[in-house]
Amino acid sequence: MSEAATGAQTPMEQHPAADPVVVPRRRPWRWVGMAVVALLAVMALHGLVTNPAFGWYTVFRYLFTRPILAGLGMTLLLTAIAMAGGILIGTVLAVLRDTDSRLLAGASLAYTWFFRTVPVLVQLLFWFNFGALYKHIALGIPFGPALFTLDTNSLVSPLSAAVFGLMLSQGAYTGEIIRSGINGVESGQARAARALGMTRAQVFRVIVFPQALRIIIPALGNEVISMVKNTSMVSVLALSDLLYSAQLIYSRNYQTIPLLIVATIWYLVVVTLLTLLQGRLEKRFGRGVQKR
């Protein structure tokens, strides 16, 4: 009778092999790199704490003062208005770019080309000096009498120049982001939805746009963060944003480095919060997507 019939165990079954011992690979250079990074971090922290030129007493003295907080509010206001206007303009540009009309698509392409080519700082200065180009702005019948006329210098203020410059420039970048998101959705889904009797508006609202948001949100979040930092350029227009408010203070007390640190701290706080919000939005709109 065989061993299988009698139920006898083989020598290997009687003495099972022990589990193999996994020996981690030694990486001495990793520990060297970690030690170097830790040493540099300690040296940098020691320099921040012990160097009196940083003026930490002055930093904490002005961190929550009214001019600095007012400048922070202006920075956030400019960011919100410019991004809202940029998203609206970008949506129109994205729709026009994908139309069958060559004239409309060409106009969208020309707008995007121009405002992505000219630096934002140049655009801000241009809008601020727009009154030198047109003394008055008239509204009325084309090539006919004007119904009413506005003085350009009274209409264009530092705030309006900053809004126009940031918003029009942002619209060009946002338009490309939205167009890329829409084109990233598989076209077969739209055709299948149309075959089921859905209108173009329903297809865009229910099928295309929710999926396009997964592509749009990360890039658009980066644009919001960039806009927060780009608002510092409006200081050339003497608009009291965060940076210009700090400049006004250190022009009186000559504490340049501490006031620049104050502005830097607030930029770090705002950008960090926006980054966390962007991460939450990406997780929400990325539900159901298989990650690699």
Protein backbone atom coordinates (compact mmCIF):
# COMPACT_ATOMS: atom_id res chain seq x y z
CA MET A 1 0.00 0.00 0.00
CA SER A 2 1.32 3.50 -0.94
CA GLU A 3 2.12 6.30 1.49
CA ALA A 4 -0.79 8.34 0.09
CA ALA A 5 -3.19 5.52 0.96
CA THR A 6 -1.82 4.96 4.45
CA GLY A 7 -1.69 8.69 5.19
CA ALA A 8 2.03 8.58 6.03
CA GLN A 9 3.87 11.89 5.78
CA THR A 10 6.90 12.44 3.61
CA PRO A 11 10.16 13.62 5.20
CA MET A 12 9.56 17.17 3.83
CA GLU A 13 6.09 17.26 5.41
CA GLN A 14 7.48 15.98 8.68
CA HIS A 15 10.12 18.70 8.80
CA PRO A 16 8.82 21.79 7.03
CA ALA A 17 11.45 24.30 5.97
CA ALA A 18 11.80 27.41 8.10
CA ASP A 19 10.69 30.76 6.68
CA PRO A 20 13.53 32.53 4.86
CA VAL A 21 15.09 35.39 6.76
CA VAL A 22 14.87 38.67 4.82
CA VAL A 23 18.00 40.72 5.33
CA PRO A 24 17.47 44.39 4.46
CA ARG A 25 19.88 45.85 2.00
CA ARG A 26 22.43 48.10 3.58
CA ARG A 27 22.40 51.66 2.32
CA PRO A 28 25.14 53.56 4.15
CA TRP A 29 24.94 56.56 1.82
CA ARG A 30 21.31 57.10 2.79
CA TRP A 31 22.35 57.58 6.40
CA VAL A 32 25.12 59.91 5.29
CA GLY A 33 22.62 61.98 3.31
CA MET A 34 20.18 62.10 6.22
CA ALA A 35 22.98 63.23 8.54
CA VAL A 36 24.03 66.00 6.14
CA VAL A 37 20.44 67.24 5.75
CA ALA A 38 19.89 67.19 9.52
CA LEU A 39 23.14 69.09 10.09
CA LEU A 40 22.20 71.75 7.52
CA ALA A 41 18.73 72.09 9.07
CA VAL A 42 20.21 72.61 12.53
CA MET A 43 22.68 75.17 11.18
CA ALA A 44 19.92 77.06 9.37
CA LEU A 45 17.71 77.07 12.48
CA HIS A 46 20.61 78.25 14.63
CA GLY A 47 21.28 81.08 12.20
CA LEU A 48 17.62 82.14 12.21
CA VAL A 49 17.48 82.23 15.98
CA THR A 50 20.85 83.79 16.82
CA ASN A 51 21.28 86.31 14.00
CA PRO A 52 20.03 89.67 15.32
CA ALA A 53 19.67 91.04 11.78
CA PHE A 54 16.46 89.06 11.34
CA GLY A 55 14.81 91.25 13.97
CA TRP A 56 12.31 88.72 15.27
CA TYR A 57 11.03 91.18 17.86
CA THR A 58 10.09 93.57 15.06
CA VAL A 59 8.59 90.73 13.06
CA PHE A 60 6.16 89.71 15.80
CA ARG A 61 5.47 93.35 16.57
CA TYR A 62 4.16 94.08 13.06
CA LEU A 63 2.78 90.66 12.14
CA PHE A 64 -0.80 91.48 13.19
CA THR A 65 -0.83 95.25 12.82
CA ARG A 66 -3.71 96.92 11.00
CA PRO A 67 -1.76 98.02 7.87
CA ILE A 68 -0.36 94.52 7.34
CA LEU A 69 -3.76 92.86 7.79
CA ALA A 70 -5.36 95.42 5.47
CA GLY A 71 -2.72 94.67 2.87
CA LEU A 72 -3.37 90.95 3.31
CA GLY A 73 -7.07 91.58 2.74
CA MET A 74 -6.30 93.50 -0.45
CA THR A 75 -4.12 90.62 -1.68
CA LEU A 76 -6.92 88.11 -1.06
CA LEU A 77 -9.47 90.42 -2.70
CA LEU A 78 -7.34 90.84 -5.81
CA THR A 79 -6.79 87.09 -5.97
CA ALA A 80 -10.52 86.33 -5.72
CA ILE A 81 -11.60 88.94 -8.30
CA ALA A 82 -8.83 88.14 -10.77
CA MET A 83 -9.43 84.38 -10.56
CA ALA A 84 -13.22 84.73 -10.86
CA GLY A 85 -12.87 86.97 -13.90
CA GLY A 86 -10.12 84.77 -15.32
CA ILE A 87 -12.27 81.64 -15.02
CA LEU A 88 -15.18 83.39 -16.75
CA ILE A 89 -12.97 84.66 -19.57
CA GLY A 90 -11.19 81.32 -19.83
CA THR A 91 -14.46 79.42 -20.14
CA VAL A 92 -15.56 81.66 -23.02
CA LEU A 93 -12.17 81.27 -24.70
CA ALA A 94 -12.28 77.48 -24.35
CA VAL A 95 -15.75 77.29 -25.89
CA LEU A 96 -14.83 79.62 -28.76
CA ARG A 97 -11.60 77.75 -29.45
CA ASP A 98 -13.49 74.50 -30.15
CA THR A 99 -16.24 75.99 -32.29
CA ASP A 100 -16.58 75.33 -36.00
CA SER A 101 -16.25 79.06 -36.77
CA ARG A 102 -12.72 79.88 -37.85
CA LEU A 103 -13.27 83.54 -37.01
CA LEU A 104 -14.26 82.85 -33.39
CA ALA A 105 -11.58 80.19 -32.93
CA GLY A 106 -8.99 82.58 -34.40
CA ALA A 107 -10.09 85.37 -32.06
CA SER A 108 -9.72 83.06 -29.07
CA LEU A 109 -6.29 81.94 -30.26
CA ALA A 110 -5.17 85.56 -30.81
CA TYR A 111 -6.30 86.58 -27.34
CA THR A 112 -4.50 83.65 -25.74
CA TRP A 113 -1.34 84.33 -27.74
CA PHE A 114 -1.21 88.02 -26.85
CA PHE A 115 -1.91 87.85 -23.12
CA ARG A 116 0.37 84.85 -22.60
CA THR A 117 3.18 86.63 -24.43
CA VAL A 118 3.16 90.03 -22.73
CA PRO A 119 4.52 89.93 -19.13
CA VAL A 120 1.97 90.62 -16.41
CA LEU A 121 4.00 93.52 -15.03
CA VAL A 122 3.95 95.23 -18.44
CA GLN A 123 0.20 94.76 -18.64
CA LEU A 124 -0.28 96.31 -15.21
CA LEU A 125 1.73 99.37 -16.18
CA PHE A 126 -0.10 99.60 -19.49
CA TRP A 127 -3.55 99.64 -17.89
CA PHE A 128 -2.39 102.10 -15.26
CA ASN A 129 -1.30 104.51 -18.02
CA PHE A 130 -4.26 103.81 -20.28
CA GLY A 131 -5.34 107.44 -19.94
CA ALA A 132 -2.32 108.53 -21.98
CA LEU A 133 -3.66 106.51 -24.92
CA TYR A 134 -7.35 107.46 -24.68
CA LYS A 135 -8.30 110.60 -22.81
CA HIS A 136 -11.99 109.76 -22.85
CA ILE A 137 -14.12 106.63 -23.27
CA ALA A 138 -17.34 107.24 -25.18
CA LEU A 139 -20.33 104.92 -25.48
CA GLY A 140 -22.89 105.40 -28.20
CA ILE A 141 -23.82 104.50 -31.76
CA PRO A 142 -20.89 103.06 -33.75
CA PHE A 143 -19.46 105.76 -36.04
CA GLY A 144 -22.21 108.03 -34.75
CA PRO A 145 -22.87 110.38 -31.83
CA ALA A 146 -21.78 109.40 -28.32
CA LEU A 147 -24.48 108.95 -25.73
CA PHE A 148 -22.18 109.69 -22.80
CA THR A 149 -18.45 110.12 -22.22
CA LEU A 150 -16.23 109.09 -19.31
CA ASP A 151 -12.89 110.55 -18.31
CA THR A 152 -10.32 107.77 -18.51
CA ASN A 153 -8.12 109.09 -15.71
CA SER A 154 -11.04 109.07 -13.28
CA LEU A 155 -12.09 105.61 -14.42
CA VAL A 156 -8.69 103.91 -14.29
CA SER A 157 -7.47 103.73 -10.68
CA PRO A 158 -4.65 101.59 -9.26
CA LEU A 159 -7.24 99.03 -8.17
CA SER A 160 -9.00 98.82 -11.53
CA ALA A 161 -5.67 98.68 -13.38
CA ALA A 162 -4.53 95.83 -11.13
CA VAL A 163 -7.80 93.93 -11.62
CA PHE A 164 -7.76 94.35 -15.41
CA GLY A 165 -4.11 93.38 -15.74
CA LEU A 166 -4.34 90.29 -13.55
CA MET A 167 -7.76 89.17 -14.79
CA LEU A 168 -7.13 89.47 -18.53
CA SER A 169 -3.79 87.72 -18.26
CA GLN A 170 -5.22 84.94 -16.10
CA GLY A 171 -8.06 84.38 -18.57
CA ALA A 172 -5.59 83.31 -21.25
CA TYR A 173 -4.02 80.64 -19.03
CA THR A 174 -7.33 79.47 -17.59
CA GLY A 175 -8.80 79.09 -21.07
CA GLU A 176 -6.07 76.61 -22.02
CA ILE A 177 -6.57 74.71 -18.76
CA ILE A 178 -10.33 74.38 -19.28
CA ARG A 179 -9.91 73.44 -22.94
CA SER A 180 -7.40 70.73 -22.04
CA GLY A 181 -9.76 69.36 -19.39
CA ILE A 182 -12.70 69.19 -21.79
CA ASN A 183 -10.63 67.60 -24.54
CA GLY A 184 -9.30 65.07 -22.04
CA VAL A 185 -12.74 63.45 -21.75
CA GLU A 186 -13.27 60.60 -24.19
CA SER A 187 -15.42 61.80 -27.07
CA GLY A 188 -17.23 58.46 -27.34
CA GLN A 189 -19.09 59.18 -24.11
CA ALA A 190 -20.57 62.36 -25.56
CA ARG A 191 -21.63 60.57 -28.74
CA ALA A 192 -23.27 57.80 -26.71
CA ALA A 193 -25.15 60.36 -24.62
CA ARG A 194 -26.36 62.16 -27.74
CA ALA A 195 -27.54 58.84 -29.14
CA LEU A 196 -29.67 58.41 -26.01
CA GLY A 197 -31.41 61.71 -26.75
CA MET A 198 -29.53 64.09 -24.45
CA THR A 199 -29.01 67.66 -25.62
CA ARG A 200 -25.57 69.25 -26.01
CA ALA A 201 -26.08 71.24 -22.82
CA GLN A 202 -27.06 68.11 -20.89
CA VAL A 203 -24.08 66.19 -22.25
CA PHE A 204 -21.70 68.95 -21.21
CA ARG A 205 -23.26 69.42 -17.76
CA VAL A 206 -23.78 65.76 -16.83
CA ILE A 207 -21.11 63.84 -18.75
CA VAL A 208 -18.22 66.04 -19.90
CA PHE A 209 -17.77 68.75 -17.28
CA PRO A 210 -17.74 66.54 -14.13
CA GLN A 211 -15.00 64.40 -15.67
CA ALA A 212 -13.12 67.42 -16.96
CA LEU A 213 -12.96 68.81 -13.43
CA ARG A 214 -10.59 66.00 -12.46
CA ILE A 215 -8.12 67.45 -14.95
CA ILE A 216 -8.95 71.12 -14.38
CA ILE A 217 -8.82 71.26 -10.56
CA PRO A 218 -5.09 70.51 -10.04
CA ALA A 219 -3.94 72.96 -12.71
CA LEU A 220 -6.46 75.60 -11.65
CA GLY A 221 -5.39 75.22 -8.02
CA ASN A 222 -1.82 75.93 -9.05
CA GLU A 223 -3.02 79.06 -10.87
CA VAL A 224 -4.75 80.31 -7.72
CA ILE A 225 -1.53 79.85 -5.76
CA SER A 226 0.42 81.64 -8.48
CA MET A 227 -2.11 84.48 -8.46
CA VAL A 228 -1.59 85.03 -4.73
CA LYS A 229 2.09 85.57 -5.44
CA ASN A 230 1.53 87.57 -8.64
CA THR A 231 -0.50 90.15 -6.74
CA SER A 232 2.79 91.36 -5.23
CA MET A 233 3.50 93.01 -8.60
CA VAL A 234 0.72 95.56 -8.03
CA SER A 235 3.06 97.28 -5.59
CA VAL A 236 4.46 99.15 -8.63
CA LEU A 237 1.03 100.81 -8.90
CA ALA A 238 1.21 102.03 -5.28
CA LEU A 239 -1.73 99.78 -4.41
CA SER A 240 -1.68 98.79 -0.75
CA ASP A 241 -1.42 95.04 -1.03
CA LEU A 242 0.55 92.94 1.44
CA LEU A 243 3.97 93.69 -0.02
CA TYR A 244 3.36 97.41 -0.54
CA SER A 245 2.04 97.76 3.02
CA ALA A 246 5.26 96.21 4.31
CA GLN A 247 7.27 98.52 2.06
CA LEU A 248 5.51 101.59 3.43
CA ILE A 249 6.36 100.58 6.98
CA TYR A 250 10.04 99.81 6.39
CA SER A 251 10.43 103.02 4.40
CA ARG A 252 9.72 104.84 7.69
CA ASN A 253 11.50 102.67 10.28
CA TYR A 254 14.24 101.24 8.00
CA GLN A 255 13.55 97.69 9.25
CA THR A 256 13.61 96.19 5.76
CA ILE A 257 14.40 92.55 6.54
CA PRO A 258 11.90 92.13 9.43
CA LEU A 259 9.05 93.62 7.38
CA LEU A 260 9.88 91.44 4.39
CA ILE A 261 9.79 88.45 6.74
CA VAL A 262 6.34 89.57 7.89
CA ALA A 263 5.09 89.56 4.30
CA THR A 264 6.77 86.21 3.66
CA ILE A 265 5.09 84.61 6.68
CA TRP A 266 1.64 85.67 5.50
CA TYR A 267 2.32 84.43 1.96
CA LEU A 268 3.40 81.09 3.44
CA VAL A 269 0.22 80.86 5.53
CA VAL A 270 -2.13 81.69 2.64
CA VAL A 271 -0.42 79.41 0.12
CA THR A 272 -0.30 76.53 2.63
CA LEU A 273 -4.03 76.81 3.31
CA LEU A 274 -4.80 76.96 -0.41
CA THR A 275 -2.61 73.90 -1.00
CA LEU A 276 -4.53 71.93 1.64
CA LEU A 277 -7.84 73.02 0.10
CA GLN A 278 -6.61 72.00 -3.34
CA GLY A 279 -5.70 68.55 -2.03
CA ARG A 280 -9.18 68.06 -0.57
CA LEU A 281 -10.83 69.12 -3.83
CA GLU A 282 -8.65 66.77 -5.83
CA LYS A 283 -9.63 63.87 -3.59
CA ARG A 284 -13.31 64.73 -3.86
CA PHE A 285 -13.41 65.05 -7.63
CA GLY A 286 -11.08 62.07 -8.04
CA ARG A 287 -13.43 59.59 -6.40
CA GLY A 288 -13.97 56.45 -8.41
CA VAL A 289 -10.76 56.89 -10.40
CA GLN A 290 -8.36 54.00 -10.17
CA LYS A 291 -4.96 55.18 -9.05
CA ARG A 292 -1.74 53.69 -10.26
